[in-house]
């Protein structure tokens, strides 16, 4: 089943301003005993090795999503978070259970 990406206008505009490419990948948070939870991280630009990513084109944007990310209903949501210099794209939709 194909991955669907939802993106709001603010996030779309911000990604366009940053070059039109976004990478979504997993980031394992540190934990004390059994490891930490897996979170999603975003970076502007293309990944170093595109073979590990699914390439999704949305109008004039290209989103690279790491293969194998467990998602709820095969959907990710991208939104703009933060203010001023601290703005960033947040990816939501990871399936935890």
PDB file of N, CA and C in Angstrom:
ATOM      1  N   UNK A   1       0.838  -1.180   0.000  1.00  0.00           N
ATOM      2  CA  UNK A   1       0.000   0.000   0.000  1.00  0.00           C
ATOM      3  C   UNK A   1       0.883   1.245   0.000  1.00  0.00           C
ATOM      4  N   UNK A   2       0.519   2.222  -0.769  1.00  0.00           N
ATOM      5  CA  UNK A   2       1.311   3.429  -0.943  1.00  0.00           C
ATOM      6  C   UNK A   2       1.157   4.391   0.233  1.00  0.00           C
ATOM      7  N   UNK A   3       2.235   5.073   0.552  1.00  0.00           N
ATOM      8  CA  UNK A   3       2.249   6.041   1.642  1.00  0.00           C
ATOM      9  C   UNK A   3       1.631   7.348   1.168  1.00  0.00           C
ATOM     10  N   UNK A   4       0.747   7.915   1.996  1.00  0.00           N
ATOM     11  CA  UNK A   4       0.115   9.193   1.712  1.00  0.00           C
ATOM     12  C   UNK A   4       0.712  10.246   2.626  1.00  0.00           C
ATOM     13  N   UNK A   5       1.000  11.415   2.076  1.00  0.00           N
ATOM     14  CA  UNK A   5       1.543  12.508   2.876  1.00  0.00           C
ATOM     15  C   UNK A   5       0.570  13.667   2.849  1.00  0.00           C
ATOM     16  N   UNK A   6       0.200  14.142   4.049  1.00  0.00           N
ATOM     17  CA  UNK A   6      -0.619  15.342   4.189  1.00  0.00           C
ATOM     18  C   UNK A   6       0.310  16.475   4.606  1.00  0.00           C
ATOM     19  N   UNK A   7       0.132  17.629   3.995  1.00  0.00           N
ATOM     20  CA  UNK A   7       1.007  18.757   4.294  1.00  0.00           C
ATOM     21  C   UNK A   7       0.187  20.038   4.258  1.00  0.00           C
ATOM     22  N   UNK A   8       0.367  20.894   5.269  1.00  0.00           N
ATOM     23  CA  UNK A   8      -0.387  22.141   5.269  1.00  0.00           C
ATOM     24  C   UNK A   8       0.354  23.196   4.441  1.00  0.00           C
ATOM     25  N   UNK A   9      -0.329  24.297   4.153  1.00  0.00           N
ATOM     26  CA  UNK A   9       0.235  25.327   3.279  1.00  0.00           C
ATOM     27  C   UNK A   9       1.501  25.958   3.849  1.00  0.00           C
ATOM     28  N   UNK A  10       1.546  26.161   5.171  1.00  0.00           N
ATOM     29  CA  UNK A  10       2.734  26.757   5.797  1.00  0.00           C
ATOM     30  C   UNK A  10       3.956  25.861   5.604  1.00  0.00           C
ATOM     31  N   UNK A  11       3.786  24.567   5.839  1.00  0.00           N
ATOM     32  CA  UNK A  11       4.895  23.623   5.679  1.00  0.00           C
ATOM     33  C   UNK A  11       5.324  23.546   4.217  1.00  0.00           C
ATOM     34  N   UNK A  12       4.367  23.512   3.318  1.00  0.00           N
ATOM     35  CA  UNK A  12       4.666  23.452   1.877  1.00  0.00           C
ATOM     36  C   UNK A  12       5.508  24.666   1.468  1.00  0.00           C
ATOM     37  N   UNK A  13       5.094  25.835   1.892  1.00  0.00           N
ATOM     38  CA  UNK A  13       5.809  27.063   1.561  1.00  0.00           C
ATOM     39  C   UNK A  13       7.224  27.072   2.141  1.00  0.00           C
ATOM     40  N   UNK A  14       7.376  26.602   3.369  1.00  0.00           N
ATOM     41  CA  UNK A  14       8.684  26.579   4.034  1.00  0.00           C
ATOM     42  C   UNK A  14       9.640  25.613   3.316  1.00  0.00           C
ATOM     43  N   UNK A  15       9.142  24.457   2.930  1.00  0.00           N
ATOM     44  CA  UNK A  15       9.979  23.489   2.211  1.00  0.00           C
ATOM     45  C   UNK A  15      10.394  24.059   0.854  1.00  0.00           C
ATOM     46  N   UNK A  16       9.471  24.730   0.169  1.00  0.00           N
ATOM     47  CA  UNK A  16       9.805  25.361  -1.110  1.00  0.00           C
ATOM     48  C   UNK A  16      10.926  26.380  -0.931  1.00  0.00           C
ATOM     49  N   UNK A  17      10.840  27.192   0.118  1.00  0.00           N
ATOM     50  CA  UNK A  17      11.866  28.209   0.387  1.00  0.00           C
ATOM     51  C   UNK A  17      13.224  27.584   0.692  1.00  0.00           C
ATOM     52  N   UNK A  18      13.216  26.365   1.215  1.00  0.00           N
ATOM     53  CA  UNK A  18      14.462  25.680   1.576  1.00  0.00           C
ATOM     54  C   UNK A  18      14.991  24.786   0.453  1.00  0.00           C
ATOM     55  N   UNK A  19      14.409  24.888  -0.733  1.00  0.00           N
ATOM     56  CA  UNK A  19      14.939  24.149  -1.878  1.00  0.00           C
ATOM     57  C   UNK A  19      14.029  23.090  -2.463  1.00  0.00           C
ATOM     58  N   UNK A  20      12.921  22.759  -1.784  1.00  0.00           N
ATOM     59  CA  UNK A  20      11.947  21.826  -2.346  1.00  0.00           C
ATOM     60  C   UNK A  20      12.168  20.357  -2.047  1.00  0.00           C
ATOM     61  N   UNK A  21      13.211  20.034  -1.280  1.00  0.00           N
ATOM     62  CA  UNK A  21      13.485  18.641  -0.921  1.00  0.00           C
ATOM     63  C   UNK A  21      13.451  18.488   0.596  1.00  0.00           C
ATOM     64  N   UNK A  22      12.826  17.396   1.067  1.00  0.00           N
ATOM     65  CA  UNK A  22      12.770  17.107   2.500  1.00  0.00           C
ATOM     66  C   UNK A  22      12.992  15.615   2.704  1.00  0.00           C
ATOM     67  N   UNK A  23      13.767  15.273   3.721  1.00  0.00           N
ATOM     68  CA  UNK A  23      14.006  13.880   4.089  1.00  0.00           C
ATOM     69  C   UNK A  23      13.358  13.609   5.435  1.00  0.00           C
ATOM     70  N   UNK A  24      12.587  12.522   5.519  1.00  0.00           N
ATOM     71  CA  UNK A  24      11.967  12.078   6.773  1.00  0.00           C
ATOM     72  C   UNK A  24      12.607  10.747   7.137  1.00  0.00           C
ATOM     73  N   UNK A  25      13.164  10.671   8.338  1.00  0.00           N
ATOM     74  CA  UNK A  25      13.847   9.451   8.772  1.00  0.00           C
ATOM     75  C   UNK A  25      13.591   9.202  10.248  1.00  0.00           C
ATOM     76  N   UNK A  26      13.946   8.004  10.691  1.00  0.00           N
ATOM     77  CA  UNK A  26      13.758   7.672  12.101  1.00  0.00           C
ATOM     78  C   UNK A  26      14.948   8.145  12.913  1.00  0.00           C
ATOM     79  N   UNK A  27      14.650   8.420  14.173  1.00  0.00           N
ATOM     80  CA  UNK A  27      15.655   8.828  15.135  1.00  0.00           C
ATOM     81  C   UNK A  27      15.327   8.099  16.421  1.00  0.00           C
ATOM     82  N   UNK A  28      16.244   7.284  16.892  1.00  0.00           N
ATOM     83  CA  UNK A  28      15.994   6.540  18.124  1.00  0.00           C
ATOM     84  C   UNK A  28      16.422   7.404  19.303  1.00  0.00           C
ATOM     85  N   UNK A  29      15.457   7.751  20.144  1.00  0.00           N
ATOM     86  CA  UNK A  29      15.738   8.568  21.322  1.00  0.00           C
ATOM     87  C   UNK A  29      16.425   7.716  22.380  1.00  0.00           C
ATOM     88  N   UNK A  30      17.280   8.332  23.151  1.00  0.00           N
ATOM     89  CA  UNK A  30      17.999   7.613  24.207  1.00  0.00           C
ATOM     90  C   UNK A  30      17.042   7.221  25.322  1.00  0.00           C
ATOM     91  N   UNK A  31      17.256   6.044  25.872  1.00  0.00           N
ATOM     92  CA  UNK A  31      16.466   5.560  26.992  1.00  0.00           C
ATOM     93  C   UNK A  31      17.386   4.907  27.998  1.00  0.00           C
ATOM     94  N   UNK A  32      16.881   4.654  29.178  1.00  0.00           N
ATOM     95  CA  UNK A  32      17.769   4.134  30.217  1.00  0.00           C
ATOM     96  C   UNK A  32      17.893   2.613  30.188  1.00  0.00           C
ATOM     97  N   UNK A  33      16.811   1.895  30.120  1.00  0.00           N
ATOM     98  CA  UNK A  33      16.885   0.438  30.291  1.00  0.00           C
ATOM     99  C   UNK A  33      16.659  -0.338  29.001  1.00  0.00           C
ATOM    100  N   UNK A  34      15.558  -0.127  28.362  1.00  0.00           N
ATOM    101  CA  UNK A  34      15.214  -0.920  27.187  1.00  0.00           C
ATOM    102  C   UNK A  34      15.324  -0.141  25.905  1.00  0.00           C
ATOM    103  N   UNK A  35      16.105   0.907  25.902  1.00  0.00           N
ATOM    104  CA  UNK A  35      16.166   1.746  24.714  1.00  0.00           C
ATOM    105  C   UNK A  35      15.037   2.750  24.748  1.00  0.00           C
ATOM    106  N   UNK A  36      15.074   3.681  23.877  1.00  0.00           N
ATOM    107  CA  UNK A  36      14.060   4.722  23.855  1.00  0.00           C
ATOM    108  C   UNK A  36      13.098   4.549  22.708  1.00  0.00           C
ATOM    109  N   UNK A  37      12.130   5.444  22.640  1.00  0.00           N
ATOM    110  CA  UNK A  37      11.146   5.378  21.559  1.00  0.00           C
ATOM    111  C   UNK A  37      11.761   5.822  20.235  1.00  0.00           C
ATOM    112  N   UNK A  38      11.139   5.410  19.164  1.00  0.00           N
ATOM    113  CA  UNK A  38      11.562   5.846  17.837  1.00  0.00           C
ATOM    114  C   UNK A  38      10.737   7.075  17.478  1.00  0.00           C
ATOM    115  N   UNK A  39      11.417   8.129  17.076  1.00  0.00           N
ATOM    116  CA  UNK A  39      10.775   9.374  16.672  1.00  0.00           C
ATOM    117  C   UNK A  39      11.103   9.642  15.210  1.00  0.00           C
ATOM    118  N   UNK A  40      10.405  10.596  14.626  1.00  0.00           N
ATOM    119  CA  UNK A  40      10.679  10.986  13.252  1.00  0.00           C
ATOM    120  C   UNK A  40      11.445  12.302  13.242  1.00  0.00           C
ATOM    121  N   UNK A  41      12.436  12.382  12.386  1.00  0.00           N
ATOM    122  CA  UNK A  41      13.228  13.597  12.218  1.00  0.00           C
ATOM    123  C   UNK A  41      13.147  14.017  10.753  1.00  0.00           C
ATOM    124  N   UNK A  42      13.259  15.316  10.517  1.00  0.00           N
ATOM    125  CA  UNK A  42      13.248  15.826   9.148  1.00  0.00           C
ATOM    126  C   UNK A  42      14.503  16.650   8.891  1.00  0.00           C
ATOM    127  N   UNK A  43      14.984  16.576   7.673  1.00  0.00           N
ATOM    128  CA  UNK A  43      16.127  17.375   7.219  1.00  0.00           C
ATOM    129  C   UNK A  43      15.798  17.919   5.841  1.00  0.00           C
ATOM    130  N   UNK A  44      16.186  19.155   5.584  1.00  0.00           N
ATOM    131  CA  UNK A  44      16.018  19.696   4.243  1.00  0.00           C
ATOM    132  C   UNK A  44      17.081  19.095   3.340  1.00  0.00           C
ATOM    133  N   UNK A  45      16.704  18.805   2.112  1.00  0.00           N
ATOM    134  CA  UNK A  45      17.633  18.236   1.151  1.00  0.00           C
ATOM    135  C   UNK A  45      17.387  16.761   0.919  1.00  0.00           C
ATOM    136  N   UNK A  46      18.219  16.188   0.060  1.00  0.00           N
ATOM    137  CA  UNK A  46      18.137  14.766  -0.281  1.00  0.00           C
ATOM    138  C   UNK A  46      18.996  13.960   0.689  1.00  0.00           C
ATOM    139  N   UNK A  47      18.608  12.702   0.941  1.00  0.00           N
ATOM    140  CA  UNK A  47      19.452  11.844   1.789  1.00  0.00           C
ATOM    141  C   UNK A  47      20.726  11.446   1.038  1.00  0.00           C
ATOM    142  N   UNK A  48      21.732  11.044   1.791  1.00  0.00           N
ATOM    143  CA  UNK A  48      23.000  10.627   1.177  1.00  0.00           C
ATOM    144  C   UNK A  48      22.818   9.411   0.271  1.00  0.00           C
ATOM    145  N   UNK A  49      22.016   8.445   0.705  1.00  0.00           N
ATOM    146  CA  UNK A  49      21.772   7.236  -0.090  1.00  0.00           C
ATOM    147  C   UNK A  49      20.270   7.088  -0.307  1.00  0.00           C
ATOM    148  N   UNK A  50      19.799   7.477  -1.474  1.00  0.00           N
ATOM    149  CA  UNK A  50      18.365   7.459  -1.760  1.00  0.00           C
ATOM    150  C   UNK A  50      17.789   6.049  -1.854  1.00  0.00           C
ATOM    151  N   UNK A  51      18.630   5.022  -1.913  1.00  0.00           N
ATOM    152  CA  UNK A  51      18.143   3.643  -2.002  1.00  0.00           C
ATOM    153  C   UNK A  51      17.392   3.200  -0.752  1.00  0.00           C
ATOM    154  N   UNK A  52      17.613   3.873   0.370  1.00  0.00           N
ATOM    155  CA  UNK A  52      16.943   3.526   1.619  1.00  0.00           C
ATOM    156  C   UNK A  52      15.661   4.330   1.834  1.00  0.00           C
ATOM    157  N   UNK A  53      15.243   5.076   0.822  1.00  0.00           N
ATOM    158  CA  UNK A  53      14.116   5.986   0.965  1.00  0.00           C
ATOM    159  C   UNK A  53      13.119   5.818  -0.167  1.00  0.00           C
ATOM    160  N   UNK A  54      11.853   6.056   0.161  1.00  0.00           N
ATOM    161  CA  UNK A  54      10.798   6.119  -0.846  1.00  0.00           C
ATOM    162  C   UNK A  54      10.701   7.573  -1.284  1.00  0.00           C
ATOM    163  N   UNK A  55      10.737   7.822  -2.572  1.00  0.00           N
ATOM    164  CA  UNK A  55      10.665   9.186  -3.098  1.00  0.00           C
ATOM    165  C   UNK A  55       9.227   9.504  -3.480  1.00  0.00           C
ATOM    166  N   UNK A  56       8.684  10.555  -2.879  1.00  0.00           N
ATOM    167  CA  UNK A  56       7.297  10.948  -3.125  1.00  0.00           C
ATOM    168  C   UNK A  56       7.290  12.384  -3.641  1.00  0.00           C
ATOM    169  N   UNK A  57       6.640  12.594  -4.778  1.00  0.00           N
ATOM    170  CA  UNK A  57       6.550  13.931  -5.359  1.00  0.00           C
ATOM    171  C   UNK A  57       5.167  14.502  -5.074  1.00  0.00           C
ATOM    172  N   UNK A  58       5.155  15.705  -4.503  1.00  0.00           N
ATOM    173  CA  UNK A  58       3.918  16.440  -4.238  1.00  0.00           C
ATOM    174  C   UNK A  58       4.035  17.782  -4.945  1.00  0.00           C
ATOM    175  N   UNK A  59       3.374  17.924  -6.073  1.00  0.00           N
ATOM    176  CA  UNK A  59       3.481  19.139  -6.880  1.00  0.00           C
ATOM    177  C   UNK A  59       4.955  19.424  -7.165  1.00  0.00           C
ATOM    178  N   UNK A  60       5.499  20.513  -6.630  1.00  0.00           N
ATOM    179  CA  UNK A  60       6.893  20.854  -6.899  1.00  0.00           C
ATOM    180  C   UNK A  60       7.822  20.488  -5.739  1.00  0.00           C
ATOM    181  N   UNK A  61       7.364  19.648  -4.811  1.00  0.00           N
ATOM    182  CA  UNK A  61       8.180  19.191  -3.686  1.00  0.00           C
ATOM    183  C   UNK A  61       8.557  17.729  -3.881  1.00  0.00           C
ATOM    184  N   UNK A  62       9.720  17.353  -3.368  1.00  0.00           N
ATOM    185  CA  UNK A  62      10.122  15.952  -3.349  1.00  0.00           C
ATOM    186  C   UNK A  62      10.414  15.580  -1.905  1.00  0.00           C
ATOM    187  N   UNK A  63       9.675  14.589  -1.402  1.00  0.00           N
ATOM    188  CA  UNK A  63       9.813  14.126  -0.025  1.00  0.00           C
ATOM    189  C   UNK A  63      10.423  12.728  -0.068  1.00  0.00           C
ATOM    190  N   UNK A  64      11.515  12.538   0.662  1.00  0.00           N
ATOM    191  CA  UNK A  64      12.163  11.230   0.781  1.00  0.00           C
ATOM    192  C   UNK A  64      11.816  10.673   2.155  1.00  0.00           C
ATOM    193  N   UNK A  65      11.139   9.530   2.182  1.00  0.00           N
ATOM    194  CA  UNK A  65      10.717   8.911   3.441  1.00  0.00           C
ATOM    195  C   UNK A  65      11.472   7.596   3.603  1.00  0.00           C
ATOM    196  N   UNK A  66      12.133   7.453   4.732  1.00  0.00           N
ATOM    197  CA  UNK A  66      12.894   6.230   5.007  1.00  0.00           C
ATOM    198  C   UNK A  66      11.986   5.019   4.867  1.00  0.00           C
ATOM    199  N   UNK A  67      12.446   4.012   4.156  1.00  0.00           N
ATOM    200  CA  UNK A  67      11.659   2.793   3.968  1.00  0.00           C
ATOM    201  C   UNK A  67      11.512   2.058   5.296  1.00  0.00           C
ATOM    202  N   UNK A  68      10.339   1.466   5.505  1.00  0.00           N
ATOM    203  CA  UNK A  68      10.105   0.641   6.682  1.00  0.00           C
ATOM    204  C   UNK A  68       9.597   1.381   7.903  1.00  0.00           C
ATOM    205  N   UNK A  69       9.306   2.669   7.789  1.00  0.00           N
ATOM    206  CA  UNK A  69       8.759   3.399   8.936  1.00  0.00           C
ATOM    207  C   UNK A  69       7.337   2.903   9.175  1.00  0.00           C
ATOM    208  N   UNK A  70       7.043   2.430  10.391  1.00  0.00           N
ATOM    209  CA  UNK A  70       5.678   1.989  10.688  1.00  0.00           C
ATOM    210  C   UNK A  70       4.761   3.204  10.860  1.00  0.00           C
ATOM    211  N   UNK A  71       3.749   3.311  10.013  1.00  0.00           N
ATOM    212  CA  UNK A  71       2.847   4.459  10.077  1.00  0.00           C
ATOM    213  C   UNK A  71       1.421   4.017  10.359  1.00  0.00           C
ATOM    214  N   UNK A  72       0.649   4.938  10.901  1.00  0.00           N
ATOM    215  CA  UNK A  72      -0.777   4.696  11.116  1.00  0.00           C
ATOM    216  C   UNK A  72      -1.484   4.887   9.781  1.00  0.00           C
ATOM    217  N   UNK A  73      -2.174   3.876   9.330  1.00  0.00           N
ATOM    218  CA  UNK A  73      -2.966   3.944   8.098  1.00  0.00           C
ATOM    219  C   UNK A  73      -2.152   4.410   6.889  1.00  0.00           C
ATOM    220  N   UNK A  74      -0.851   4.095   6.858  1.00  0.00           N
ATOM    221  CA  UNK A  74       0.021   4.474   5.738  1.00  0.00           C
ATOM    222  C   UNK A  74      -0.015   5.965   5.431  1.00  0.00           C
ATOM    223  N   UNK A  75      -0.055   6.780   6.497  1.00  0.00           N
ATOM    224  CA  UNK A  75      -0.122   8.224   6.303  1.00  0.00           C
ATOM    225  C   UNK A  75       0.849   8.956   7.219  1.00  0.00           C
ATOM    226  N   UNK A  76       1.525   9.959   6.675  1.00  0.00           N
ATOM    227  CA  UNK A  76       2.358  10.878   7.442  1.00  0.00           C
ATOM    228  C   UNK A  76       1.806  12.283   7.264  1.00  0.00           C
ATOM    229  N   UNK A  77       1.913  13.090   8.310  1.00  0.00           N
ATOM    230  CA  UNK A  77       1.501  14.482   8.259  1.00  0.00           C
ATOM    231  C   UNK A  77       2.725  15.354   8.497  1.00  0.00           C
ATOM    232  N   UNK A  78       2.923  16.331   7.633  1.00  0.00           N
ATOM    233  CA  UNK A  78       4.020  17.278   7.781  1.00  0.00           C
ATOM    234  C   UNK A  78       3.440  18.637   8.118  1.00  0.00           C
ATOM    235  N   UNK A  79       4.012  19.279   9.150  1.00  0.00           N
ATOM    236  CA  UNK A  79       3.534  20.610   9.519  1.00  0.00           C
ATOM    237  C   UNK A  79       4.708  21.462   9.961  1.00  0.00           C
ATOM    238  N   UNK A  80       4.517  22.771   9.870  1.00  0.00           N
ATOM    239  CA  UNK A  80       5.533  23.719  10.298  1.00  0.00           C
ATOM    240  C   UNK A  80       5.347  23.973  11.784  1.00  0.00           C
ATOM    241  N   UNK A  81       6.438  23.856  12.544  1.00  0.00           N
ATOM    242  CA  UNK A  81       6.406  24.070  13.993  1.00  0.00           C
ATOM    243  C   UNK A  81       7.455  25.110  14.364  1.00  0.00           C
ATOM    244  N   UNK A  82       7.319  25.673  15.555  1.00  0.00           N
ATOM    245  CA  UNK A  82       8.305  26.624  16.055  1.00  0.00           C
ATOM    246  C   UNK A  82       8.050  28.039  15.559  1.00  0.00           C
ATOM    247  N   UNK A  83       8.891  28.962  16.034  1.00  0.00           N
ATOM    248  CA  UNK A  83       8.760  30.364  15.645  1.00  0.00           C
ATOM    249  C   UNK A  83      10.132  30.926  15.273  1.00  0.00           C
ATOM    250  N   UNK A  84      10.102  31.944  14.431  1.00  0.00           N
ATOM    251  CA  UNK A  84      11.332  32.641  14.071  1.00  0.00           C
ATOM    252  C   UNK A  84      12.429  31.717  13.574  1.00  0.00           C
ATOM    253  N   UNK A  85      13.606  31.885  14.156  1.00  0.00           N
ATOM    254  CA  UNK A  85      14.782  31.109  13.783  1.00  0.00           C
ATOM    255  C   UNK A  85      14.617  29.623  14.101  1.00  0.00           C
ATOM    256  N   UNK A  86      13.693  29.290  14.986  1.00  0.00           N
ATOM    257  CA  UNK A  86      13.511  27.910  15.441  1.00  0.00           C
ATOM    258  C   UNK A  86      12.435  27.150  14.669  1.00  0.00           C
ATOM    259  N   UNK A  87      11.993  27.671  13.532  1.00  0.00           N
ATOM    260  CA  UNK A  87      11.003  26.962  12.721  1.00  0.00           C
ATOM    261  C   UNK A  87      11.608  25.678  12.174  1.00  0.00           C
ATOM    262  N   UNK A  88      10.774  24.646  12.119  1.00  0.00           N
ATOM    263  CA  UNK A  88      11.201  23.362  11.572  1.00  0.00           C
ATOM    264  C   UNK A  88       9.970  22.584  11.115  1.00  0.00           C
ATOM    265  N   UNK A  89      10.199  21.569  10.312  1.00  0.00           N
ATOM    266  CA  UNK A  89       9.110  20.711   9.843  1.00  0.00           C
ATOM    267  C   UNK A  89       8.999  19.517  10.782  1.00  0.00           C
ATOM    268  N   UNK A  90       7.796  19.280  11.274  1.00  0.00           N
ATOM    269  CA  UNK A  90       7.511  18.143  12.141  1.00  0.00           C
ATOM    270  C   UNK A  90       6.769  17.085  11.328  1.00  0.00           C
ATOM    271  N   UNK A  91       7.194  15.841  11.467  1.00  0.00           N
ATOM    272  CA  UNK A  91       6.526  14.712  10.808  1.00  0.00           C
ATOM    273  C   UNK A  91       5.784  13.912  11.869  1.00  0.00           C
ATOM    274  N   UNK A  92       4.508  13.671  11.633  1.00  0.00           N
ATOM    275  CA  UNK A  92       3.654  12.936  12.568  1.00  0.00           C
ATOM    276  C   UNK A  92       3.045  11.734  11.860  1.00  0.00           C
ATOM    277  N   UNK A  93       2.735  10.700  12.625  1.00  0.00           N
ATOM    278  CA  UNK A  93       2.029   9.555  12.058  1.00  0.00           C
ATOM    279  C   UNK A  93       2.680   8.219  12.306  1.00  0.00           C
ATOM    280  N   UNK A  94       3.749   8.189  13.095  1.00  0.00           N
ATOM    281  CA  UNK A  94       4.409   6.921  13.378  1.00  0.00           C
ATOM    282  C   UNK A  94       3.483   6.045  14.223  1.00  0.00           C
ATOM    283  N   UNK A  95       3.419   4.777  13.898  1.00  0.00           N
ATOM    284  CA  UNK A  95       2.610   3.823  14.656  1.00  0.00           C
ATOM    285  C   UNK A  95       3.439   3.294  15.814  1.00  0.00           C
ATOM    286  N   UNK A  96       2.928   3.413  17.001  1.00  0.00           N
ATOM    287  CA  UNK A  96       3.693   3.033  18.182  1.00  0.00           C
ATOM    288  C   UNK A  96       3.365   1.627  18.675  1.00  0.00           C
ATOM    289  N   UNK A  97       2.221   1.098  18.299  1.00  0.00           N
ATOM    290  CA  UNK A  97       1.842  -0.235  18.797  1.00  0.00           C
ATOM    291  C   UNK A  97       1.225  -1.059  17.692  1.00  0.00           C
TER     292      UNK A  97
END
